[in-house]
Amino acid sequence: MQRLWGRKVNDLAFREFLQILEFVACKKGKTVGCVDQWYSSSKTCNYCKHVLESVRCWRCPNCQTVNDRDGNAANNIKEAGSLSLGVGDVRPSQTAVAA
């Protein structure tokens, strides 16, 4: 993003950043969606939706799935965002490969 505007995103006011993001998305025919900041994405199991206290890595007592806090939160935020926009599931993320 620094390439696009010539300064760091941190230097911009957050609201200004969102306005630019919405403008660019509208220009490209895309939609910007927001997820509630209090949504407990890192505490909720991505598979069975059981809510547990936030720890770095935990095993869900319901489904026995091992969850990493950051990866689990990313999956929950992706799902909540796609549901709020009514688009169903979104494409899976691509794994970066260093060459």
PDB file of N, CA and C in Angstrom:
ATOM      1  N   MET A   1       0.816  -1.191   0.000  1.00  0.00           N
ATOM      2  CA  MET A   1       0.000   0.000   0.000  1.00  0.00           C
ATOM      3  C   MET A   1       0.857   1.251   0.000  1.00  0.00           C
ATOM      4  N   GLN A   2       2.059   1.137   0.507  1.00  0.00           N
ATOM      5  CA  GLN A   2       2.953   2.290   0.503  1.00  0.00           C
ATOM      6  C   GLN A   2       3.274   2.699  -0.931  1.00  0.00           C
ATOM      7  N   ARG A   3       3.343   1.707  -1.827  1.00  0.00           N
ATOM      8  CA  ARG A   3       3.597   2.018  -3.235  1.00  0.00           C
ATOM      9  C   ARG A   3       2.474   2.863  -3.816  1.00  0.00           C
ATOM     10  N   LEU A   4       1.232   2.592  -3.382  1.00  0.00           N
ATOM     11  CA  LEU A   4       0.080   3.279  -3.954  1.00  0.00           C
ATOM     12  C   LEU A   4      -0.027   4.732  -3.520  1.00  0.00           C
ATOM     13  N   TRP A   5       0.255   5.009  -2.243  1.00  0.00           N
ATOM     14  CA  TRP A   5       0.008   6.352  -1.741  1.00  0.00           C
ATOM     15  C   TRP A   5       1.272   7.085  -1.317  1.00  0.00           C
ATOM     16  N   GLY A   6       2.425   6.461  -1.407  1.00  0.00           N
ATOM     17  CA  GLY A   6       3.677   7.131  -1.127  1.00  0.00           C
ATOM     18  C   GLY A   6       3.958   7.390   0.337  1.00  0.00           C
ATOM     19  N   ARG A   7       3.161   6.876   1.223  1.00  0.00           N
ATOM     20  CA  ARG A   7       3.421   6.989   2.657  1.00  0.00           C
ATOM     21  C   ARG A   7       2.841   5.757   3.346  1.00  0.00           C
ATOM     22  N   LYS A   8       3.273   5.520   4.542  1.00  0.00           N
ATOM     23  CA  LYS A   8       2.815   4.332   5.251  1.00  0.00           C
ATOM     24  C   LYS A   8       1.350   4.454   5.628  1.00  0.00           C
ATOM     25  N   VAL A   9       0.663   3.316   5.651  1.00  0.00           N
ATOM     26  CA  VAL A   9      -0.736   3.301   6.051  1.00  0.00           C
ATOM     27  C   VAL A   9      -0.849   3.762   7.501  1.00  0.00           C
ATOM     28  N   ASN A  10       0.154   3.473   8.325  1.00  0.00           N
ATOM     29  CA  ASN A  10       0.124   3.909   9.725  1.00  0.00           C
ATOM     30  C   ASN A  10       0.099   5.418   9.859  1.00  0.00           C
ATOM     31  N   ASP A  11       0.629   6.137   8.874  1.00  0.00           N
ATOM     32  CA  ASP A  11       0.634   7.590   8.923  1.00  0.00           C
ATOM     33  C   ASP A  11      -0.739   8.180   8.616  1.00  0.00           C
ATOM     34  N   LEU A  12      -1.556   7.433   7.946  1.00  0.00           N
ATOM     35  CA  LEU A  12      -2.902   7.907   7.616  1.00  0.00           C
ATOM     36  C   LEU A  12      -3.822   7.716   8.811  1.00  0.00           C
ATOM     37  N   ALA A  13      -4.797   8.543   8.939  1.00  0.00           N
ATOM     38  CA  ALA A  13      -5.837   8.302   9.923  1.00  0.00           C
ATOM     39  C   ALA A  13      -6.601   7.061   9.475  1.00  0.00           C
ATOM     40  N   PHE A  14      -7.017   6.241  10.421  1.00  0.00           N
ATOM     41  CA  PHE A  14      -7.655   4.973  10.065  1.00  0.00           C
ATOM     42  C   PHE A  14      -8.923   5.190   9.251  1.00  0.00           C
ATOM     43  N   ARG A  15      -9.691   6.201   9.580  1.00  0.00           N
ATOM     44  CA  ARG A  15     -10.925   6.479   8.830  1.00  0.00           C
ATOM     45  C   ARG A  15     -10.594   6.852   7.391  1.00  0.00           C
ATOM     46  N   GLU A  16      -9.534   7.618   7.198  1.00  0.00           N
ATOM     47  CA  GLU A  16      -9.113   7.971   5.842  1.00  0.00           C
ATOM     48  C   GLU A  16      -8.705   6.726   5.058  1.00  0.00           C
ATOM     49  N   PHE A  17      -8.008   5.815   5.737  1.00  0.00           N
ATOM     50  CA  PHE A  17      -7.637   4.550   5.104  1.00  0.00           C
ATOM     51  C   PHE A  17      -8.878   3.776   4.666  1.00  0.00           C
ATOM     52  N   LEU A  18      -9.890   3.716   5.535  1.00  0.00           N
ATOM     53  CA  LEU A  18     -11.119   3.008   5.177  1.00  0.00           C
ATOM     54  C   LEU A  18     -11.835   3.679   4.003  1.00  0.00           C
ATOM     55  N   GLN A  19     -11.827   4.999   3.959  1.00  0.00           N
ATOM     56  CA  GLN A  19     -12.445   5.712   2.844  1.00  0.00           C
ATOM     57  C   GLN A  19     -11.727   5.399   1.534  1.00  0.00           C
ATOM     58  N   ILE A  20     -10.410   5.373   1.568  1.00  0.00           N
ATOM     59  CA  ILE A  20      -9.642   5.030   0.366  1.00  0.00           C
ATOM     60  C   ILE A  20      -9.928   3.598  -0.047  1.00  0.00           C
ATOM     61  N   LEU A  21      -9.961   2.698   0.933  1.00  0.00           N
ATOM     62  CA  LEU A  21     -10.251   1.290   0.653  1.00  0.00           C
ATOM     63  C   LEU A  21     -11.632   1.124   0.024  1.00  0.00           C
ATOM     64  N   GLU A  22     -12.630   1.808   0.567  1.00  0.00           N
ATOM     65  CA  GLU A  22     -13.985   1.729   0.018  1.00  0.00           C
ATOM     66  C   GLU A  22     -14.049   2.334  -1.381  1.00  0.00           C
ATOM     67  N   PHE A  23     -13.332   3.423  -1.621  1.00  0.00           N
ATOM     68  CA  PHE A  23     -13.299   4.049  -2.938  1.00  0.00           C
ATOM     69  C   PHE A  23     -12.700   3.111  -3.977  1.00  0.00           C
ATOM     70  N   VAL A  24     -11.563   2.513  -3.649  1.00  0.00           N
ATOM     71  CA  VAL A  24     -10.894   1.601  -4.582  1.00  0.00           C
ATOM     72  C   VAL A  24     -11.757   0.362  -4.825  1.00  0.00           C
ATOM     73  N   ALA A  25     -12.394  -0.157  -3.773  1.00  0.00           N
ATOM     74  CA  ALA A  25     -13.257  -1.326  -3.926  1.00  0.00           C
ATOM     75  C   ALA A  25     -14.449  -1.004  -4.819  1.00  0.00           C
ATOM     76  N   CYS A  26     -15.066   0.153  -4.618  1.00  0.00           N
ATOM     77  CA  CYS A  26     -16.198   0.565  -5.446  1.00  0.00           C
ATOM     78  C   CYS A  26     -15.777   0.723  -6.900  1.00  0.00           C
ATOM     79  N   LYS A  27     -14.607   1.300  -7.109  1.00  0.00           N
ATOM     80  CA  LYS A  27     -14.078   1.499  -8.457  1.00  0.00           C
ATOM     81  C   LYS A  27     -13.860   0.170  -9.183  1.00  0.00           C
ATOM     82  N   LYS A  28     -13.497  -0.868  -8.421  1.00  0.00           N
ATOM     83  CA  LYS A  28     -13.246  -2.185  -9.003  1.00  0.00           C
ATOM     84  C   LYS A  28     -14.454  -3.103  -8.923  1.00  0.00           C
ATOM     85  N   GLY A  29     -15.595  -2.579  -8.444  1.00  0.00           N
ATOM     86  CA  GLY A  29     -16.813  -3.372  -8.361  1.00  0.00           C
ATOM     87  C   GLY A  29     -16.816  -4.369  -7.214  1.00  0.00           C
ATOM     88  N   LYS A  30     -16.069  -4.083  -6.171  1.00  0.00           N
ATOM     89  CA  LYS A  30     -15.967  -4.960  -5.003  1.00  0.00           C
ATOM     90  C   LYS A  30     -16.693  -4.338  -3.817  1.00  0.00           C
ATOM     91  N   THR A  31     -16.851  -5.121  -2.749  1.00  0.00           N
ATOM     92  CA  THR A  31     -17.525  -4.663  -1.552  1.00  0.00           C
ATOM     93  C   THR A  31     -16.593  -4.805  -0.355  1.00  0.00           C
ATOM     94  N   VAL A  32     -16.600  -3.824   0.525  1.00  0.00           N
ATOM     95  CA  VAL A  32     -15.829  -3.883   1.761  1.00  0.00           C
ATOM     96  C   VAL A  32     -16.790  -4.215   2.887  1.00  0.00           C
ATOM     97  N   GLY A  33     -16.486  -5.256   3.640  1.00  0.00           N
ATOM     98  CA  GLY A  33     -17.320  -5.648   4.767  1.00  0.00           C
ATOM     99  C   GLY A  33     -16.557  -5.506   6.061  1.00  0.00           C
ATOM    100  N   CYS A  34     -17.274  -5.293   7.148  1.00  0.00           N
ATOM    101  CA  CYS A  34     -16.649  -5.143   8.459  1.00  0.00           C
ATOM    102  C   CYS A  34     -17.201  -6.192   9.407  1.00  0.00           C
ATOM    103  N   VAL A  35     -16.340  -6.657  10.305  1.00  0.00           N
ATOM    104  CA  VAL A  35     -16.727  -7.606  11.348  1.00  0.00           C
ATOM    105  C   VAL A  35     -16.650  -6.864  12.669  1.00  0.00           C
ATOM    106  N   ASP A  36     -17.601  -7.123  13.558  1.00  0.00           N
ATOM    107  CA  ASP A  36     -17.649  -6.465  14.867  1.00  0.00           C
ATOM    108  C   ASP A  36     -16.321  -6.640  15.591  1.00  0.00           C
ATOM    109  N   GLN A  37     -15.789  -5.548  16.149  1.00  0.00           N
ATOM    110  CA  GLN A  37     -14.492  -5.605  16.817  1.00  0.00           C
ATOM    111  C   GLN A  37     -14.519  -6.462  18.080  1.00  0.00           C
ATOM    112  N   TRP A  38     -15.686  -6.717  18.644  1.00  0.00           N
ATOM    113  CA  TRP A  38     -15.796  -7.516  19.856  1.00  0.00           C
ATOM    114  C   TRP A  38     -16.115  -8.975  19.561  1.00  0.00           C
ATOM    115  N   TYR A  39     -16.159  -9.361  18.287  1.00  0.00           N
ATOM    116  CA  TYR A  39     -16.386 -10.760  17.921  1.00  0.00           C
ATOM    117  C   TYR A  39     -15.223 -11.605  18.443  1.00  0.00           C
ATOM    118  N   SER A  40     -15.508 -12.642  19.207  1.00  0.00           N
ATOM    119  CA  SER A  40     -14.449 -13.441  19.832  1.00  0.00           C
ATOM    120  C   SER A  40     -13.892 -14.473  18.845  1.00  0.00           C
ATOM    121  N   SER A  41     -13.148 -13.991  17.872  1.00  0.00           N
ATOM    122  CA  SER A  41     -12.658 -14.862  16.803  1.00  0.00           C
ATOM    123  C   SER A  41     -11.575 -15.824  17.265  1.00  0.00           C
ATOM    124  N   SER A  42     -10.717 -15.418  18.189  1.00  0.00           N
ATOM    125  CA  SER A  42      -9.634 -16.305  18.605  1.00  0.00           C
ATOM    126  C   SER A  42     -10.062 -17.284  19.695  1.00  0.00           C
ATOM    127  N   LYS A  43     -11.206 -17.028  20.323  1.00  0.00           N
ATOM    128  CA  LYS A  43     -11.683 -17.909  21.391  1.00  0.00           C
ATOM    129  C   LYS A  43     -12.684 -18.948  20.900  1.00  0.00           C
ATOM    130  N   THR A  44     -13.147 -18.837  19.670  1.00  0.00           N
ATOM    131  CA  THR A  44     -14.182 -19.708  19.135  1.00  0.00           C
ATOM    132  C   THR A  44     -13.571 -20.770  18.234  1.00  0.00           C
ATOM    133  N   CYS A  45     -13.921 -22.036  18.473  1.00  0.00           N
ATOM    134  CA  CYS A  45     -13.433 -23.121  17.621  1.00  0.00           C
ATOM    135  C   CYS A  45     -14.016 -22.957  16.228  1.00  0.00           C
ATOM    136  N   ASN A  46     -13.178 -23.035  15.219  1.00  0.00           N
ATOM    137  CA  ASN A  46     -13.616 -22.837  13.839  1.00  0.00           C
ATOM    138  C   ASN A  46     -14.530 -23.964  13.352  1.00  0.00           C
ATOM    139  N   TYR A  47     -14.440 -25.136  13.958  1.00  0.00           N
ATOM    140  CA  TYR A  47     -15.196 -26.293  13.486  1.00  0.00           C
ATOM    141  C   TYR A  47     -16.540 -26.460  14.191  1.00  0.00           C
ATOM    142  N   CYS A  48     -16.544 -26.386  15.529  1.00  0.00           N
ATOM    143  CA  CYS A  48     -17.796 -26.655  16.253  1.00  0.00           C
ATOM    144  C   CYS A  48     -18.361 -25.426  16.962  1.00  0.00           C
ATOM    145  N   LYS A  49     -17.666 -24.282  16.899  1.00  0.00           N
ATOM    146  CA  LYS A  49     -18.089 -23.000  17.476  1.00  0.00           C
ATOM    147  C   LYS A  49     -18.109 -22.988  18.995  1.00  0.00           C
ATOM    148  N   HIS A  50     -17.392 -23.909  19.636  1.00  0.00           N
ATOM    149  CA  HIS A  50     -17.257 -23.896  21.096  1.00  0.00           C
ATOM    150  C   HIS A  50     -16.364 -22.722  21.493  1.00  0.00           C
ATOM    151  N   VAL A  51     -16.764 -21.964  22.541  1.00  0.00           N
ATOM    152  CA  VAL A  51     -16.009 -20.789  22.969  1.00  0.00           C
ATOM    153  C   VAL A  51     -15.209 -21.149  24.219  1.00  0.00           C
ATOM    154  N   LEU A  52     -13.913 -20.832  24.181  1.00  0.00           N
ATOM    155  CA  LEU A  52     -13.008 -21.135  25.281  1.00  0.00           C
ATOM    156  C   LEU A  52     -12.149 -19.906  25.554  1.00  0.00           C
ATOM    157  N   GLU A  53     -11.544 -19.827  26.731  1.00  0.00           N
ATOM    158  CA  GLU A  53     -10.630 -18.724  27.012  1.00  0.00           C
ATOM    159  C   GLU A  53      -9.479 -18.734  26.017  1.00  0.00           C
ATOM    160  N   SER A  54      -8.998 -17.573  25.695  1.00  0.00           N
ATOM    161  CA  SER A  54      -7.958 -17.424  24.684  1.00  0.00           C
ATOM    162  C   SER A  54      -6.589 -17.834  25.225  1.00  0.00           C
ATOM    163  N   VAL A  55      -6.013 -18.827  24.601  1.00  0.00           N
ATOM    164  CA  VAL A  55      -4.639 -19.237  24.862  1.00  0.00           C
ATOM    165  C   VAL A  55      -3.951 -19.385  23.515  1.00  0.00           C
ATOM    166  N   ARG A  56      -2.645 -19.495  23.509  1.00  0.00           N
ATOM    167  CA  ARG A  56      -1.896 -19.528  22.237  1.00  0.00           C
ATOM    168  C   ARG A  56      -2.287 -20.709  21.356  1.00  0.00           C
ATOM    169  N   CYS A  57      -2.314 -21.893  21.906  1.00  0.00           N
ATOM    170  CA  CYS A  57      -2.685 -23.098  21.156  1.00  0.00           C
ATOM    171  C   CYS A  57      -3.542 -23.939  22.084  1.00  0.00           C
ATOM    172  N   TRP A  58      -4.697 -24.395  21.611  1.00  0.00           N
ATOM    173  CA  TRP A  58      -5.599 -25.133  22.472  1.00  0.00           C
ATOM    174  C   TRP A  58      -6.343 -26.219  21.711  1.00  0.00           C
ATOM    175  N   ARG A  59      -6.760 -27.246  22.444  1.00  0.00           N
ATOM    176  CA  ARG A  59      -7.550 -28.342  21.877  1.00  0.00           C
ATOM    177  C   ARG A  59      -8.996 -28.137  22.304  1.00  0.00           C
ATOM    178  N   CYS A  60      -9.885 -28.157  21.335  1.00  0.00           N
ATOM    179  CA  CYS A  60     -11.302 -27.943  21.624  1.00  0.00           C
ATOM    180  C   CYS A  60     -11.850 -29.126  22.432  1.00  0.00           C
ATOM    181  N   PRO A  61     -12.505 -28.856  23.566  1.00  0.00           N
ATOM    182  CA  PRO A  61     -13.053 -29.954  24.365  1.00  0.00           C
ATOM    183  C   PRO A  61     -14.235 -30.648  23.694  1.00  0.00           C
ATOM    184  N   ASN A  62     -14.892 -29.978  22.741  1.00  0.00           N
ATOM    185  CA  ASN A  62     -16.022 -30.588  22.039  1.00  0.00           C
ATOM    186  C   ASN A  62     -15.593 -31.518  20.921  1.00  0.00           C
ATOM    187  N   CYS A  63     -14.795 -31.004  19.988  1.00  0.00           N
ATOM    188  CA  CYS A  63     -14.469 -31.771  18.782  1.00  0.00           C
ATOM    189  C   CYS A  63     -13.022 -32.254  18.735  1.00  0.00           C
ATOM    190  N   GLN A  64     -12.224 -31.927  19.762  1.00  0.00           N
ATOM    191  CA  GLN A  64     -10.824 -32.352  19.875  1.00  0.00           C
ATOM    192  C   GLN A  64      -9.918 -31.795  18.779  1.00  0.00           C
ATOM    193  N   THR A  65     -10.337 -30.748  18.103  1.00  0.00           N
ATOM    194  CA  THR A  65      -9.518 -30.107  17.081  1.00  0.00           C
ATOM    195  C   THR A  65      -8.470 -29.231  17.757  1.00  0.00           C
ATOM    196  N   VAL A  66      -7.224 -29.308  17.292  1.00  0.00           N
ATOM    197  CA  VAL A  66      -6.166 -28.455  17.817  1.00  0.00           C
ATOM    198  C   VAL A  66      -6.208 -27.137  17.058  1.00  0.00           C
ATOM    199  N   ASN A  67      -6.340 -26.035  17.793  1.00  0.00           N
ATOM    200  CA  ASN A  67      -6.482 -24.717  17.196  1.00  0.00           C
ATOM    201  C   ASN A  67      -5.321 -23.816  17.579  1.00  0.00           C
ATOM    202  N   ASP A  68      -4.712 -23.185  16.590  1.00  0.00           N
ATOM    203  CA  ASP A  68      -3.757 -22.114  16.834  1.00  0.00           C
ATOM    204  C   ASP A  68      -4.551 -20.821  16.870  1.00  0.00           C
ATOM    205  N   ARG A  69      -4.262 -19.941  17.814  1.00  0.00           N
ATOM    206  CA  ARG A  69      -5.071 -18.743  18.009  1.00  0.00           C
ATOM    207  C   ARG A  69      -5.173 -17.880  16.756  1.00  0.00           C
ATOM    208  N   ASP A  70      -4.055 -17.612  16.083  1.00  0.00           N
ATOM    209  CA  ASP A  70      -4.075 -16.706  14.942  1.00  0.00           C
ATOM    210  C   ASP A  70      -4.749 -17.325  13.716  1.00  0.00           C
ATOM    211  N   GLY A  71      -4.411 -18.561  13.404  1.00  0.00           N
ATOM    212  CA  GLY A  71      -5.027 -19.232  12.255  1.00  0.00           C
ATOM    213  C   GLY A  71      -6.517 -19.439  12.455  1.00  0.00           C
ATOM    214  N   ASN A  72      -6.895 -19.821  13.673  1.00  0.00           N
ATOM    215  CA  ASN A  72      -8.298 -20.020  13.996  1.00  0.00           C
ATOM    216  C   ASN A  72      -9.065 -18.700  13.893  1.00  0.00           C
ATOM    217  N   ALA A  73      -8.472 -17.605  14.395  1.00  0.00           N
ATOM    218  CA  ALA A  73      -9.122 -16.300  14.317  1.00  0.00           C
ATOM    219  C   ALA A  73      -9.285 -15.861  12.869  1.00  0.00           C
ATOM    220  N   ALA A  74      -8.275 -16.112  12.031  1.00  0.00           N
ATOM    221  CA  ALA A  74      -8.368 -15.739  10.615  1.00  0.00           C
ATOM    222  C   ALA A  74      -9.509 -16.480   9.933  1.00  0.00           C
ATOM    223  N   ASN A  75      -9.647 -17.768  10.208  1.00  0.00           N
ATOM    224  CA  ASN A  75     -10.739 -18.546   9.615  1.00  0.00           C
ATOM    225  C   ASN A  75     -12.092 -18.055  10.098  1.00  0.00           C
ATOM    226  N   ASN A  76     -12.209 -17.732  11.399  1.00  0.00           N
ATOM    227  CA  ASN A  76     -13.479 -17.239  11.932  1.00  0.00           C
ATOM    228  C   ASN A  76     -13.844 -15.876  11.357  1.00  0.00           C
ATOM    229  N   ILE A  77     -12.865 -14.985  11.208  1.00  0.00           N
ATOM    230  CA  ILE A  77     -13.133 -13.660  10.647  1.00  0.00           C
ATOM    231  C   ILE A  77     -13.530 -13.778   9.178  1.00  0.00           C
ATOM    232  N   LYS A  78     -12.866 -14.651   8.429  1.00  0.00           N
ATOM    233  CA  LYS A  78     -13.221 -14.866   7.020  1.00  0.00           C
ATOM    234  C   LYS A  78     -14.656 -15.367   6.907  1.00  0.00           C
ATOM    235  N   GLU A  79     -15.016 -16.313   7.767  1.00  0.00           N
ATOM    236  CA  GLU A  79     -16.372 -16.862   7.733  1.00  0.00           C
ATOM    237  C   GLU A  79     -17.415 -15.823   8.148  1.00  0.00           C
ATOM    238  N   ALA A  80     -17.133 -15.059   9.211  1.00  0.00           N
ATOM    239  CA  ALA A  80     -18.080 -14.034   9.671  1.00  0.00           C
ATOM    240  C   ALA A  80     -18.256 -12.945   8.620  1.00  0.00           C
ATOM    241  N   GLY A  81     -17.169 -12.551   7.976  1.00  0.00           N
ATOM    242  CA  GLY A  81     -17.253 -11.528   6.933  1.00  0.00           C
ATOM    243  C   GLY A  81     -18.045 -11.992   5.733  1.00  0.00           C
ATOM    244  N   SER A  82     -17.812 -13.228   5.293  1.00  0.00           N
ATOM    245  CA  SER A  82     -18.535 -13.730   4.125  1.00  0.00           C
ATOM    246  C   SER A  82     -20.011 -13.933   4.441  1.00  0.00           C
ATOM    247  N   LEU A  83     -20.331 -14.320   5.680  1.00  0.00           N
ATOM    248  CA  LEU A  83     -21.737 -14.466   6.058  1.00  0.00           C
ATOM    249  C   LEU A  83     -22.435 -13.119   6.144  1.00  0.00           C
ATOM    250  N   SER A  84     -21.735 -12.095   6.659  1.00  0.00           N
ATOM    251  CA  SER A  84     -22.365 -10.778   6.773  1.00  0.00           C
ATOM    252  C   SER A  84     -22.612 -10.149   5.406  1.00  0.00           C
ATOM    253  N   LEU A  85     -21.774 -10.487   4.427  1.00  0.00           N
ATOM    254  CA  LEU A  85     -21.979  -9.971   3.070  1.00  0.00           C
ATOM    255  C   LEU A  85     -22.942 -10.837   2.264  1.00  0.00           C
ATOM    256  N   GLY A  86     -23.251 -12.024   2.779  1.00  0.00           N
ATOM    257  CA  GLY A  86     -24.171 -12.919   2.090  1.00  0.00           C
ATOM    258  C   GLY A  86     -23.578 -13.566   0.854  1.00  0.00           C
ATOM    259  N   VAL A  87     -22.258 -13.771   0.853  1.00  0.00           N
ATOM    260  CA  VAL A  87     -21.614 -14.366  -0.320  1.00  0.00           C
ATOM    261  C   VAL A  87     -21.296 -15.842  -0.126  1.00  0.00           C
ATOM    262  N   GLY A  88     -21.666 -16.404   1.026  1.00  0.00           N
ATOM    263  CA  GLY A  88     -21.349 -17.803   1.281  1.00  0.00           C
ATOM    264  C   GLY A  88     -19.874 -17.961   1.560  1.00  0.00           C
ATOM    265  N   ASP A  89     -19.299 -19.034   1.088  1.00  0.00           N
ATOM    266  CA  ASP A  89     -17.889 -19.293   1.338  1.00  0.00           C
ATOM    267  C   ASP A  89     -17.042 -18.493   0.366  1.00  0.00           C
ATOM    268  N   VAL A  90     -15.880 -18.089   0.811  1.00  0.00           N
ATOM    269  CA  VAL A  90     -14.948 -17.359  -0.040  1.00  0.00           C
ATOM    270  C   VAL A  90     -13.835 -18.300  -0.464  1.00  0.00           C
ATOM    271  N   ARG A  91     -13.104 -17.906  -1.498  1.00  0.00           N
ATOM    272  CA  ARG A  91     -12.061 -18.798  -2.002  1.00  0.00           C
ATOM    273  C   ARG A  91     -10.990 -19.040  -0.948  1.00  0.00           C
ATOM    274  N   PRO A  92     -10.404 -20.224  -0.940  1.00  0.00           N
ATOM    275  CA  PRO A  92      -9.363 -20.509   0.051  1.00  0.00           C
ATOM    276  C   PRO A  92      -8.129 -19.661  -0.209  1.00  0.00           C
ATOM    277  N   SER A  93      -7.419 -19.364   0.871  1.00  0.00           N
ATOM    278  CA  SER A  93      -6.212 -18.556   0.727  1.00  0.00           C
ATOM    279  C   SER A  93      -5.113 -19.352   0.051  1.00  0.00           C
ATOM    280  N   GLN A  94      -4.247 -18.655  -0.663  1.00  0.00           N
ATOM    281  CA  GLN A  94      -3.129 -19.295  -1.330  1.00  0.00           C
ATOM    282  C   GLN A  94      -1.916 -19.248  -0.417  1.00  0.00           C
ATOM    283  N   THR A  95      -1.207 -20.356  -0.322  1.00  0.00           N
ATOM    284  CA  THR A  95      -0.006 -20.405   0.494  1.00  0.00           C
ATOM    285  C   THR A  95       1.134 -19.735  -0.250  1.00  0.00           C
ATOM    286  N   ALA A  96       1.828 -18.835   0.435  1.00  0.00           N
ATOM    287  CA  ALA A  96       2.956 -18.131  -0.176  1.00  0.00           C
ATOM    288  C   ALA A  96       4.148 -19.073  -0.272  1.00  0.00           C
ATOM    289  N   VAL A  97       4.828 -19.033  -1.400  1.00  0.00           N
ATOM    290  CA  VAL A  97       6.011 -19.868  -1.610  1.00  0.00           C
ATOM    291  C   VAL A  97       7.182 -18.961  -1.897  1.00  0.00           C
ATOM    292  N   ALA A  98       8.229 -19.090  -1.098  1.00  0.00           N
ATOM    293  CA  ALA A  98       9.422 -18.269  -1.322  1.00  0.00           C
ATOM    294  C   ALA A  98      10.272 -18.927  -2.395  1.00  0.00           C
ATOM    295  N   ALA A  99      10.724 -18.125  -3.349  1.00  0.00           N
ATOM    296  CA  ALA A  99      11.537 -18.678  -4.434  1.00  0.00           C
ATOM    297  C   ALA A  99      12.988 -18.308  -4.263  1.00  0.00           C
TER     298      ALA A  99
END
